[in-house]
């Protein structure tokens, strides 16, 4: 009787250990597949990230150039206005 209970206990412990090893194996296999998919997606994600950064940089450069042009144009208009001598008022000289 003692041998059958020991062998039953051994069978149950072995079944539990095998179950957990199998569950761990399946989990690691799924994780390995997910890792491979993520690793394969990195180059395209990196390319799209740098593309977005590049387009943002281009827009920022264009906005800065446009801003400089507008500031220079305004400064030129102010300098031209300061150089001009004011004309006489239309009411001056009419008596």
PDB file of N, CA and C in Angstrom:
ATOM      1  N   UNK A   1       0.816  -1.189   0.000  1.00  0.00           N
ATOM      2  CA  UNK A   1       0.000   0.000   0.000  1.00  0.00           C
ATOM      3  C   UNK A   1       0.861   1.254   0.000  1.00  0.00           C
ATOM      4  N   UNK A   2       1.950   1.198   0.700  1.00  0.00           N
ATOM      5  CA  UNK A   2       2.823   2.352   0.784  1.00  0.00           C
ATOM      6  C   UNK A   2       3.437   2.656  -0.577  1.00  0.00           C
ATOM      7  N   UNK A   3       3.779   1.656  -1.336  1.00  0.00           N
ATOM      8  CA  UNK A   3       4.384   1.868  -2.645  1.00  0.00           C
ATOM      9  C   UNK A   3       3.407   2.523  -3.607  1.00  0.00           C
ATOM     10  N   UNK A   4       2.137   2.184  -3.558  1.00  0.00           N
ATOM     11  CA  UNK A   4       1.172   2.769  -4.485  1.00  0.00           C
ATOM     12  C   UNK A   4       0.920   4.235  -4.173  1.00  0.00           C
ATOM     13  N   UNK A   5       0.911   4.606  -2.897  1.00  0.00           N
ATOM     14  CA  UNK A   5       0.713   6.016  -2.555  1.00  0.00           C
ATOM     15  C   UNK A   5       1.940   6.832  -2.917  1.00  0.00           C
ATOM     16  N   UNK A   6       3.124   6.271  -2.783  1.00  0.00           N
ATOM     17  CA  UNK A   6       4.346   6.976  -3.160  1.00  0.00           C
ATOM     18  C   UNK A   6       4.379   7.139  -4.676  1.00  0.00           C
ATOM     19  N   UNK A   7       4.027   6.117  -5.408  1.00  0.00           N
ATOM     20  CA  UNK A   7       4.041   6.235  -6.863  1.00  0.00           C
ATOM     21  C   UNK A   7       2.956   7.179  -7.346  1.00  0.00           C
ATOM     22  N   UNK A   8       1.809   7.212  -6.643  1.00  0.00           N
ATOM     23  CA  UNK A   8       0.754   8.171  -6.997  1.00  0.00           C
ATOM     24  C   UNK A   8       1.222   9.593  -6.731  1.00  0.00           C
ATOM     25  N   UNK A   9       1.854   9.804  -5.596  1.00  0.00           N
ATOM     26  CA  UNK A   9       2.383  11.136  -5.273  1.00  0.00           C
ATOM     27  C   UNK A   9       3.463  11.531  -6.273  1.00  0.00           C
ATOM     28  N   UNK A  10       4.315  10.612  -6.648  1.00  0.00           N
ATOM     29  CA  UNK A  10       5.348  10.889  -7.635  1.00  0.00           C
ATOM     30  C   UNK A  10       4.723  11.239  -8.975  1.00  0.00           C
ATOM     31  N   UNK A  11       3.688  10.525  -9.367  1.00  0.00           N
ATOM     32  CA  UNK A  11       3.003  10.794 -10.632  1.00  0.00           C
ATOM     33  C   UNK A  11       2.346  12.169 -10.608  1.00  0.00           C
ATOM     34  N   UNK A  12       1.725  12.540  -9.487  1.00  0.00           N
ATOM     35  CA  UNK A  12       1.066  13.855  -9.385  1.00  0.00           C
ATOM     36  C   UNK A  12       2.105  14.970  -9.416  1.00  0.00           C
ATOM     37  N   UNK A  13       3.196  14.829  -8.684  1.00  0.00           N
ATOM     38  CA  UNK A  13       4.243  15.850  -8.669  1.00  0.00           C
ATOM     39  C   UNK A  13       4.878  15.962 -10.056  1.00  0.00           C
ATOM     40  N   UNK A  14       5.121  14.839 -10.695  1.00  0.00           N
ATOM     41  CA  UNK A  14       5.684  14.850 -12.048  1.00  0.00           C
ATOM     42  C   UNK A  14       4.727  15.524 -13.023  1.00  0.00           C
ATOM     43  N   UNK A  15       3.441  15.235 -12.915  1.00  0.00           N
ATOM     44  CA  UNK A  15       2.447  15.860 -13.792  1.00  0.00           C
ATOM     45  C   UNK A  15       2.414  17.376 -13.575  1.00  0.00           C
ATOM     46  N   UNK A  16       2.484  17.812 -12.328  1.00  0.00           N
ATOM     47  CA  UNK A  16       2.472  19.249 -12.039  1.00  0.00           C
ATOM     48  C   UNK A  16       3.729  19.913 -12.609  1.00  0.00           C
ATOM     49  N   UNK A  17       4.875  19.294 -12.427  1.00  0.00           N
ATOM     50  CA  UNK A  17       6.130  19.852 -12.932  1.00  0.00           C
ATOM     51  C   UNK A  17       6.106  19.905 -14.454  1.00  0.00           C
ATOM     52  N   UNK A  18       5.646  18.826 -15.079  1.00  0.00           N
ATOM     53  CA  UNK A  18       5.570  18.804 -16.536  1.00  0.00           C
ATOM     54  C   UNK A  18       4.592  19.865 -17.030  1.00  0.00           C
ATOM     55  N   UNK A  19       3.461  20.034 -16.328  1.00  0.00           N
ATOM     56  CA  UNK A  19       2.490  21.061 -16.711  1.00  0.00           C
ATOM     57  C   UNK A  19       3.119  22.449 -16.657  1.00  0.00           C
ATOM     58  N   UNK A  20       3.823  22.759 -15.577  1.00  0.00           N
ATOM     59  CA  UNK A  20       4.424  24.088 -15.460  1.00  0.00           C
ATOM     60  C   UNK A  20       5.547  24.299 -16.473  1.00  0.00           C
ATOM     61  N   UNK A  21       6.351  23.252 -16.735  1.00  0.00           N
ATOM     62  CA  UNK A  21       7.382  23.382 -17.770  1.00  0.00           C
ATOM     63  C   UNK A  21       6.754  23.592 -19.145  1.00  0.00           C
ATOM     64  N   UNK A  22       5.654  22.887 -19.425  1.00  0.00           N
ATOM     65  CA  UNK A  22       4.967  23.059 -20.708  1.00  0.00           C
ATOM     66  C   UNK A  22       4.374  24.461 -20.816  1.00  0.00           C
ATOM     67  N   UNK A  23       3.755  24.933 -19.735  1.00  0.00           N
ATOM     68  CA  UNK A  23       3.197  26.292 -19.742  1.00  0.00           C
ATOM     69  C   UNK A  23       4.305  27.325 -19.935  1.00  0.00           C
ATOM     70  N   UNK A  24       5.435  27.117 -19.285  1.00  0.00           N
ATOM     71  CA  UNK A  24       6.569  28.042 -19.443  1.00  0.00           C
ATOM     72  C   UNK A  24       7.104  27.986 -20.868  1.00  0.00           C
ATOM     73  N   UNK A  25       7.171  26.786 -21.442  1.00  0.00           N
ATOM     74  CA  UNK A  25       7.657  26.636 -22.812  1.00  0.00           C
ATOM     75  C   UNK A  25       6.748  27.352 -23.796  1.00  0.00           C
ATOM     76  N   UNK A  26       5.435  27.184 -23.651  1.00  0.00           N
ATOM     77  CA  UNK A  26       4.484  27.842 -24.547  1.00  0.00           C
ATOM     78  C   UNK A  26       4.559  29.355 -24.377  1.00  0.00           C
ATOM     79  N   UNK A  27       4.695  29.798 -23.143  1.00  0.00           N
ATOM     80  CA  UNK A  27       4.806  31.233 -22.892  1.00  0.00           C
ATOM     81  C   UNK A  27       6.087  31.804 -23.510  1.00  0.00           C
ATOM     82  N   UNK A  28       7.191  31.118 -23.360  1.00  0.00           N
ATOM     83  CA  UNK A  28       8.445  31.585 -23.942  1.00  0.00           C
ATOM     84  C   UNK A  28       8.394  31.553 -25.468  1.00  0.00           C
ATOM     85  N   UNK A  29       7.721  30.541 -26.027  1.00  0.00           N
ATOM     86  CA  UNK A  29       7.595  30.464 -27.479  1.00  0.00           C
ATOM     87  C   UNK A  29       6.788  31.649 -28.006  1.00  0.00           C
ATOM     88  N   UNK A  30       5.698  31.990 -27.323  1.00  0.00           N
ATOM     89  CA  UNK A  30       4.903  33.163 -27.708  1.00  0.00           C
ATOM     90  C   UNK A  30       5.679  34.450 -27.550  1.00  0.00           C
ATOM     91  N   UNK A  31       6.449  34.535 -26.472  1.00  0.00           N
ATOM     92  CA  UNK A  31       7.257  35.741 -26.252  1.00  0.00           C
ATOM     93  C   UNK A  31       8.339  35.860 -27.314  1.00  0.00           C
ATOM     94  N   UNK A  32       8.924  34.722 -27.708  1.00  0.00           N
ATOM     95  CA  UNK A  32       9.968  34.743 -28.723  1.00  0.00           C
ATOM     96  C   UNK A  32       9.392  35.190 -30.075  1.00  0.00           C
ATOM     97  N   UNK A  33       8.180  34.726 -30.395  1.00  0.00           N
ATOM     98  CA  UNK A  33       7.528  35.158 -31.637  1.00  0.00           C
ATOM     99  C   UNK A  33       7.204  36.651 -31.600  1.00  0.00           C
ATOM    100  N   UNK A  34       6.714  37.110 -30.462  1.00  0.00           N
ATOM    101  CA  UNK A  34       6.433  38.542 -30.316  1.00  0.00           C
ATOM    102  C   UNK A  34       7.689  39.377 -30.418  1.00  0.00           C
ATOM    103  N   UNK A  35       8.776  38.880 -29.832  1.00  0.00           N
ATOM    104  CA  UNK A  35      10.053  39.591 -29.913  1.00  0.00           C
ATOM    105  C   UNK A  35      10.540  39.669 -31.350  1.00  0.00           C
ATOM    106  N   UNK A  36      10.405  38.582 -32.081  1.00  0.00           N
ATOM    107  CA  UNK A  36      10.839  38.590 -33.483  1.00  0.00           C
ATOM    108  C   UNK A  36      10.004  39.560 -34.316  1.00  0.00           C
ATOM    109  N   UNK A  37       8.705  39.599 -34.057  1.00  0.00           N
ATOM    110  CA  UNK A  37       7.849  40.544 -34.792  1.00  0.00           C
ATOM    111  C   UNK A  37       8.216  41.984 -34.448  1.00  0.00           C
ATOM    112  N   UNK A  38       8.442  42.244 -33.165  1.00  0.00           N
ATOM    113  CA  UNK A  38       8.822  43.602 -32.752  1.00  0.00           C
ATOM    114  C   UNK A  38      10.182  43.984 -33.317  1.00  0.00           C
ATOM    115  N   UNK A  39      11.112  43.033 -33.324  1.00  0.00           N
ATOM    116  CA  UNK A  39      12.445  43.307 -33.857  1.00  0.00           C
ATOM    117  C   UNK A  39      12.373  43.569 -35.353  1.00  0.00           C
ATOM    118  N   UNK A  40      11.490  42.860 -36.053  1.00  0.00           N
ATOM    119  CA  UNK A  40      11.339  43.080 -37.493  1.00  0.00           C
ATOM    120  C   UNK A  40      10.679  44.417 -37.786  1.00  0.00           C
ATOM    121  N   UNK A  41       9.863  44.920 -36.852  1.00  0.00           N
ATOM    122  CA  UNK A  41       9.154  46.183 -37.062  1.00  0.00           C
ATOM    123  C   UNK A  41      10.008  47.398 -36.732  1.00  0.00           C
ATOM    124  N   UNK A  42      11.138  47.209 -36.067  1.00  0.00           N
ATOM    125  CA  UNK A  42      11.965  48.344 -35.645  1.00  0.00           C
ATOM    126  C   UNK A  42      12.481  49.168 -36.827  1.00  0.00           C
ATOM    127  N   UNK A  43      13.032  48.570 -37.887  1.00  0.00           N
ATOM    128  CA  UNK A  43      13.541  49.415 -38.984  1.00  0.00           C
ATOM    129  C   UNK A  43      12.472  50.291 -39.621  1.00  0.00           C
ATOM    130  N   UNK A  44      11.280  49.754 -39.843  1.00  0.00           N
ATOM    131  CA  UNK A  44      10.240  50.584 -40.449  1.00  0.00           C
ATOM    132  C   UNK A  44       9.762  51.659 -39.479  1.00  0.00           C
ATOM    133  N   UNK A  45       9.689  51.328 -38.189  1.00  0.00           N
ATOM    134  CA  UNK A  45       9.295  52.341 -37.198  1.00  0.00           C
ATOM    135  C   UNK A  45      10.354  53.427 -37.092  1.00  0.00           C
ATOM    136  N   UNK A  46      11.619  53.021 -37.131  1.00  0.00           N
ATOM    137  CA  UNK A  46      12.711  53.999 -37.067  1.00  0.00           C
ATOM    138  C   UNK A  46      12.690  54.899 -38.304  1.00  0.00           C
ATOM    139  N   UNK A  47      12.428  54.310 -39.466  1.00  0.00           N
ATOM    140  CA  UNK A  47      12.378  55.084 -40.703  1.00  0.00           C
ATOM    141  C   UNK A  47      11.242  56.095 -40.663  1.00  0.00           C
ATOM    142  N   UNK A  48      10.076  55.675 -40.185  1.00  0.00           N
ATOM    143  CA  UNK A  48       8.950  56.612 -40.120  1.00  0.00           C
ATOM    144  C   UNK A  48       9.192  57.703 -39.074  1.00  0.00           C
ATOM    145  N   UNK A  49       9.872  57.357 -37.965  1.00  0.00           N
ATOM    146  CA  UNK A  49      10.184  58.368 -36.956  1.00  0.00           C
ATOM    147  C   UNK A  49      11.115  59.430 -37.536  1.00  0.00           C
ATOM    148  N   UNK A  50      12.186  59.005 -38.214  1.00  0.00           N
ATOM    149  CA  UNK A  50      13.121  59.976 -38.780  1.00  0.00           C
ATOM    150  C   UNK A  50      12.479  60.753 -39.918  1.00  0.00           C
ATOM    151  N   UNK A  51      11.554  60.140 -40.638  1.00  0.00           N
ATOM    152  CA  UNK A  51      10.836  60.861 -41.690  1.00  0.00           C
ATOM    153  C   UNK A  51       9.981  61.962 -41.084  1.00  0.00           C
ATOM    154  N   UNK A  52       9.300  61.645 -39.991  1.00  0.00           N
ATOM    155  CA  UNK A  52       8.474  62.657 -39.322  1.00  0.00           C
ATOM    156  C   UNK A  52       9.338  63.778 -38.748  1.00  0.00           C
ATOM    157  N   UNK A  53      10.460  63.419 -38.148  1.00  0.00           N
ATOM    158  CA  UNK A  53      11.358  64.449 -37.604  1.00  0.00           C
ATOM    159  C   UNK A  53      11.908  65.311 -38.727  1.00  0.00           C
ATOM    160  N   UNK A  54      12.269  64.697 -39.859  1.00  0.00           N
ATOM    161  CA  UNK A  54      12.785  65.449 -41.001  1.00  0.00           C
ATOM    162  C   UNK A  54      11.761  66.408 -41.570  1.00  0.00           C
ATOM    163  N   UNK A  55      10.516  65.955 -41.693  1.00  0.00           N
ATOM    164  CA  UNK A  55       9.488  66.851 -42.221  1.00  0.00           C
ATOM    165  C   UNK A  55       9.197  67.982 -41.237  1.00  0.00           C
ATOM    166  N   UNK A  56       9.223  67.680 -39.940  1.00  0.00           N
ATOM    167  CA  UNK A  56       9.035  68.728 -38.939  1.00  0.00           C
ATOM    168  C   UNK A  56      10.172  69.742 -39.003  1.00  0.00           C
ATOM    169  N   UNK A  57      11.401  69.265 -39.195  1.00  0.00           N
ATOM    170  CA  UNK A  57      12.551  70.160 -39.318  1.00  0.00           C
ATOM    171  C   UNK A  57      12.435  71.034 -40.564  1.00  0.00           C
ATOM    172  N   UNK A  58      11.979  70.465 -41.682  1.00  0.00           N
ATOM    173  CA  UNK A  58      11.798  71.246 -42.904  1.00  0.00           C
ATOM    174  C   UNK A  58      10.760  72.345 -42.707  1.00  0.00           C
ATOM    175  N   UNK A  59       9.660  72.006 -42.058  1.00  0.00           N
ATOM    176  CA  UNK A  59       8.623  73.004 -41.808  1.00  0.00           C
ATOM    177  C   UNK A  59       9.150  74.106 -40.894  1.00  0.00           C
ATOM    178  N   UNK A  60       9.935  73.728 -39.875  1.00  0.00           N
ATOM    179  CA  UNK A  60      10.497  74.733 -38.966  1.00  0.00           C
ATOM    180  C   UNK A  60      11.464  75.662 -39.696  1.00  0.00           C
ATOM    181  N   UNK A  61      12.286  75.112 -40.593  1.00  0.00           N
ATOM    182  CA  UNK A  61      13.219  75.943 -41.356  1.00  0.00           C
ATOM    183  C   UNK A  61      12.459  76.884 -42.278  1.00  0.00           C
ATOM    184  N   UNK A  62      11.431  76.367 -42.947  1.00  0.00           N
ATOM    185  CA  UNK A  62      10.631  77.230 -43.830  1.00  0.00           C
ATOM    186  C   UNK A  62       9.926  78.333 -43.045  1.00  0.00           C
ATOM    187  N   UNK A  63       9.405  78.014 -41.866  1.00  0.00           N
ATOM    188  CA  UNK A  63       8.752  79.028 -41.038  1.00  0.00           C
ATOM    189  C   UNK A  63       9.759  80.076 -40.570  1.00  0.00           C
ATOM    190  N   UNK A  64      10.975  79.642 -40.221  1.00  0.00           N
ATOM    191  CA  UNK A  64      12.004  80.597 -39.789  1.00  0.00           C
ATOM    192  C   UNK A  64      12.410  81.506 -40.942  1.00  0.00           C
ATOM    193  N   UNK A  65      12.562  80.950 -42.133  1.00  0.00           N
ATOM    194  CA  UNK A  65      12.918  81.768 -43.297  1.00  0.00           C
ATOM    195  C   UNK A  65      11.808  82.770 -43.604  1.00  0.00           C
ATOM    196  N   UNK A  66      10.568  82.303 -43.570  1.00  0.00           N
ATOM    197  CA  UNK A  66       9.436  83.209 -43.816  1.00  0.00           C
ATOM    198  C   UNK A  66       9.383  84.308 -42.763  1.00  0.00           C
ATOM    199  N   UNK A  67       9.628  83.948 -41.507  1.00  0.00           N
ATOM    200  CA  UNK A  67       9.652  84.955 -40.445  1.00  0.00           C
ATOM    201  C   UNK A  67      10.755  85.978 -40.647  1.00  0.00           C
ATOM    202  N   UNK A  68      11.935  85.523 -41.040  1.00  0.00           N
ATOM    203  CA  UNK A  68      13.041  86.457 -41.308  1.00  0.00           C
ATOM    204  C   UNK A  68      12.717  87.382 -42.476  1.00  0.00           C
ATOM    205  N   UNK A  69      12.098  86.840 -43.509  1.00  0.00           N
ATOM    206  CA  UNK A  69      11.714  87.679 -44.650  1.00  0.00           C
ATOM    207  C   UNK A  69      10.709  88.738 -44.222  1.00  0.00           C
ATOM    208  N   UNK A  70       9.720  88.349 -43.430  1.00  0.00           N
ATOM    209  CA  UNK A  70       8.713  89.316 -42.982  1.00  0.00           C
ATOM    210  C   UNK A  70       9.318  90.383 -42.074  1.00  0.00           C
ATOM    211  N   UNK A  71      10.225  89.983 -41.189  1.00  0.00           N
ATOM    212  CA  UNK A  71      10.871  90.958 -40.300  1.00  0.00           C
ATOM    213  C   UNK A  71      11.737  91.914 -41.109  1.00  0.00           C
ATOM    214  N   UNK A  72      12.490  91.395 -42.085  1.00  0.00           N
ATOM    215  CA  UNK A  72      13.331  92.253 -42.918  1.00  0.00           C
ATOM    216  C   UNK A  72      12.484  93.207 -43.749  1.00  0.00           C
ATOM    217  N   UNK A  73      11.370  92.727 -44.261  1.00  0.00           N
ATOM    218  CA  UNK A  73      10.477  93.569 -45.048  1.00  0.00           C
ATOM    219  C   UNK A  73       9.905  94.688 -44.183  1.00  0.00           C
ATOM    220  N   UNK A  74       9.483  94.355 -42.961  1.00  0.00           N
ATOM    221  CA  UNK A  74       8.937  95.369 -42.052  1.00  0.00           C
ATOM    222  C   UNK A  74      10.017  96.379 -41.671  1.00  0.00           C
ATOM    223  N   UNK A  75      11.235  95.915 -41.420  1.00  0.00           N
ATOM    224  CA  UNK A  75      12.323  96.825 -41.061  1.00  0.00           C
ATOM    225  C   UNK A  75      12.657  97.747 -42.228  1.00  0.00           C
ATOM    226  N   UNK A  76      12.613  97.215 -43.452  1.00  0.00           N
ATOM    227  CA  UNK A  76      12.872  98.052 -44.626  1.00  0.00           C
ATOM    228  C   UNK A  76      11.794  99.116 -44.783  1.00  0.00           C
ATOM    229  N   UNK A  77      10.536  98.735 -44.580  1.00  0.00           N
ATOM    230  CA  UNK A  77       9.450  99.706 -44.663  1.00  0.00           C
ATOM    231  C   UNK A  77       9.592 100.788 -43.592  1.00  0.00           C
ATOM    232  N   UNK A  78       9.981 100.400 -42.381  1.00  0.00           N
ATOM    233  CA  UNK A  78      10.163 101.389 -41.322  1.00  0.00           C
ATOM    234  C   UNK A  78      11.349 102.301 -41.623  1.00  0.00           C
ATOM    235  N   UNK A  79      12.419 101.746 -42.176  1.00  0.00           N
ATOM    236  CA  UNK A  79      13.581 102.566 -42.525  1.00  0.00           C
ATOM    237  C   UNK A  79      13.239 103.528 -43.659  1.00  0.00           C
ATOM    238  N   UNK A  80      12.471 103.068 -44.642  1.00  0.00           N
ATOM    239  CA  UNK A  80      12.054 103.952 -45.740  1.00  0.00           C
ATOM    240  C   UNK A  80      11.138 105.063 -45.229  1.00  0.00           C
ATOM    241  N   UNK A  81      10.280 104.727 -44.306  1.00  0.00           N
ATOM    242  CA  UNK A  81       9.371 105.730 -43.749  1.00  0.00           C
ATOM    243  C   UNK A  81      10.141 106.758 -42.931  1.00  0.00           C
ATOM    244  N   UNK A  82      11.199 106.351 -42.256  1.00  0.00           N
ATOM    245  CA  UNK A  82      11.991 107.283 -41.452  1.00  0.00           C
ATOM    246  C   UNK A  82      12.838 108.179 -42.347  1.00  0.00           C
ATOM    247  N   UNK A  83      13.244 107.694 -43.510  1.00  0.00           N
ATOM    248  CA  UNK A  83      14.079 108.484 -44.421  1.00  0.00           C
ATOM    249  C   UNK A  83      13.272 109.545 -45.164  1.00  0.00           C
ATOM    250  N   UNK A  84      12.024 109.285 -45.389  1.00  0.00           N
ATOM    251  CA  UNK A  84      11.209 110.244 -46.152  1.00  0.00           C
ATOM    252  C   UNK A  84      10.941 111.493 -45.327  1.00  0.00           C
ATOM    253  N   UNK A  85      11.005 112.623 -46.020  1.00  0.00           N
ATOM    254  CA  UNK A  85      10.650 113.875 -45.354  1.00  0.00           C
ATOM    255  C   UNK A  85       9.137 114.018 -45.457  1.00  0.00           C
ATOM    256  N   UNK A  86       8.552 114.385 -44.367  1.00  0.00           N
ATOM    257  CA  UNK A  86       7.089 114.518 -44.433  1.00  0.00           C
ATOM    258  C   UNK A  86       6.698 115.658 -45.376  1.00  0.00           C
ATOM    259  N   UNK A  87       5.702 115.426 -46.156  1.00  0.00           N
ATOM    260  CA  UNK A  87       5.209 116.455 -47.071  1.00  0.00           C
ATOM    261  C   UNK A  87       4.393 117.476 -46.316  1.00  0.00           C
ATOM    262  N   UNK A  88       4.192 118.614 -46.930  1.00  0.00           N
ATOM    263  CA  UNK A  88       3.393 119.622 -46.231  1.00  0.00           C
ATOM    264  C   UNK A  88       1.937 119.148 -46.139  1.00  0.00           C
ATOM    265  N   UNK A  89       1.327 119.604 -45.111  1.00  0.00           N
ATOM    266  CA  UNK A  89      -0.073 119.281 -44.895  1.00  0.00           C
ATOM    267  C   UNK A  89      -0.893 119.956 -45.980  1.00  0.00           C
ATOM    268  N   UNK A  90      -1.940 119.337 -46.427  1.00  0.00           N
ATOM    269  CA  UNK A  90      -2.772 119.979 -47.465  1.00  0.00           C
ATOM    270  C   UNK A  90      -3.369 121.310 -47.012  1.00  0.00           C
ATOM    271  N   UNK A  91      -3.521 121.457 -45.715  1.00  0.00           N
ATOM    272  CA  UNK A  91      -4.107 122.713 -45.246  1.00  0.00           C
ATOM    273  C   UNK A  91      -3.094 123.844 -45.192  1.00  0.00           C
ATOM    274  N   UNK A  92      -1.816 123.514 -45.272  1.00  0.00           N
ATOM    275  CA  UNK A  92      -0.785 124.545 -45.217  1.00  0.00           C
ATOM    276  C   UNK A  92      -0.734 125.234 -46.592  1.00  0.00           C
ATOM    277  N   UNK A  93      -0.658 126.519 -46.587  1.00  0.00           N
ATOM    278  CA  UNK A  93      -0.545 127.285 -47.792  1.00  0.00           C
ATOM    279  C   UNK A  93      -1.891 127.691 -48.368  1.00  0.00           C
ATOM    280  N   UNK A  94      -2.924 127.251 -47.816  1.00  0.00           N
ATOM    281  CA  UNK A  94      -4.251 127.669 -48.279  1.00  0.00           C
ATOM    282  C   UNK A  94      -4.749 128.760 -47.345  1.00  0.00           C
ATOM    283  N   UNK A  95      -4.740 129.849 -47.806  1.00  0.00           N
ATOM    284  CA  UNK A  95      -5.253 130.956 -46.987  1.00  0.00           C
ATOM    285  C   UNK A  95      -6.216 131.779 -47.761  1.00  0.00           C
TER     286      UNK A  95
END
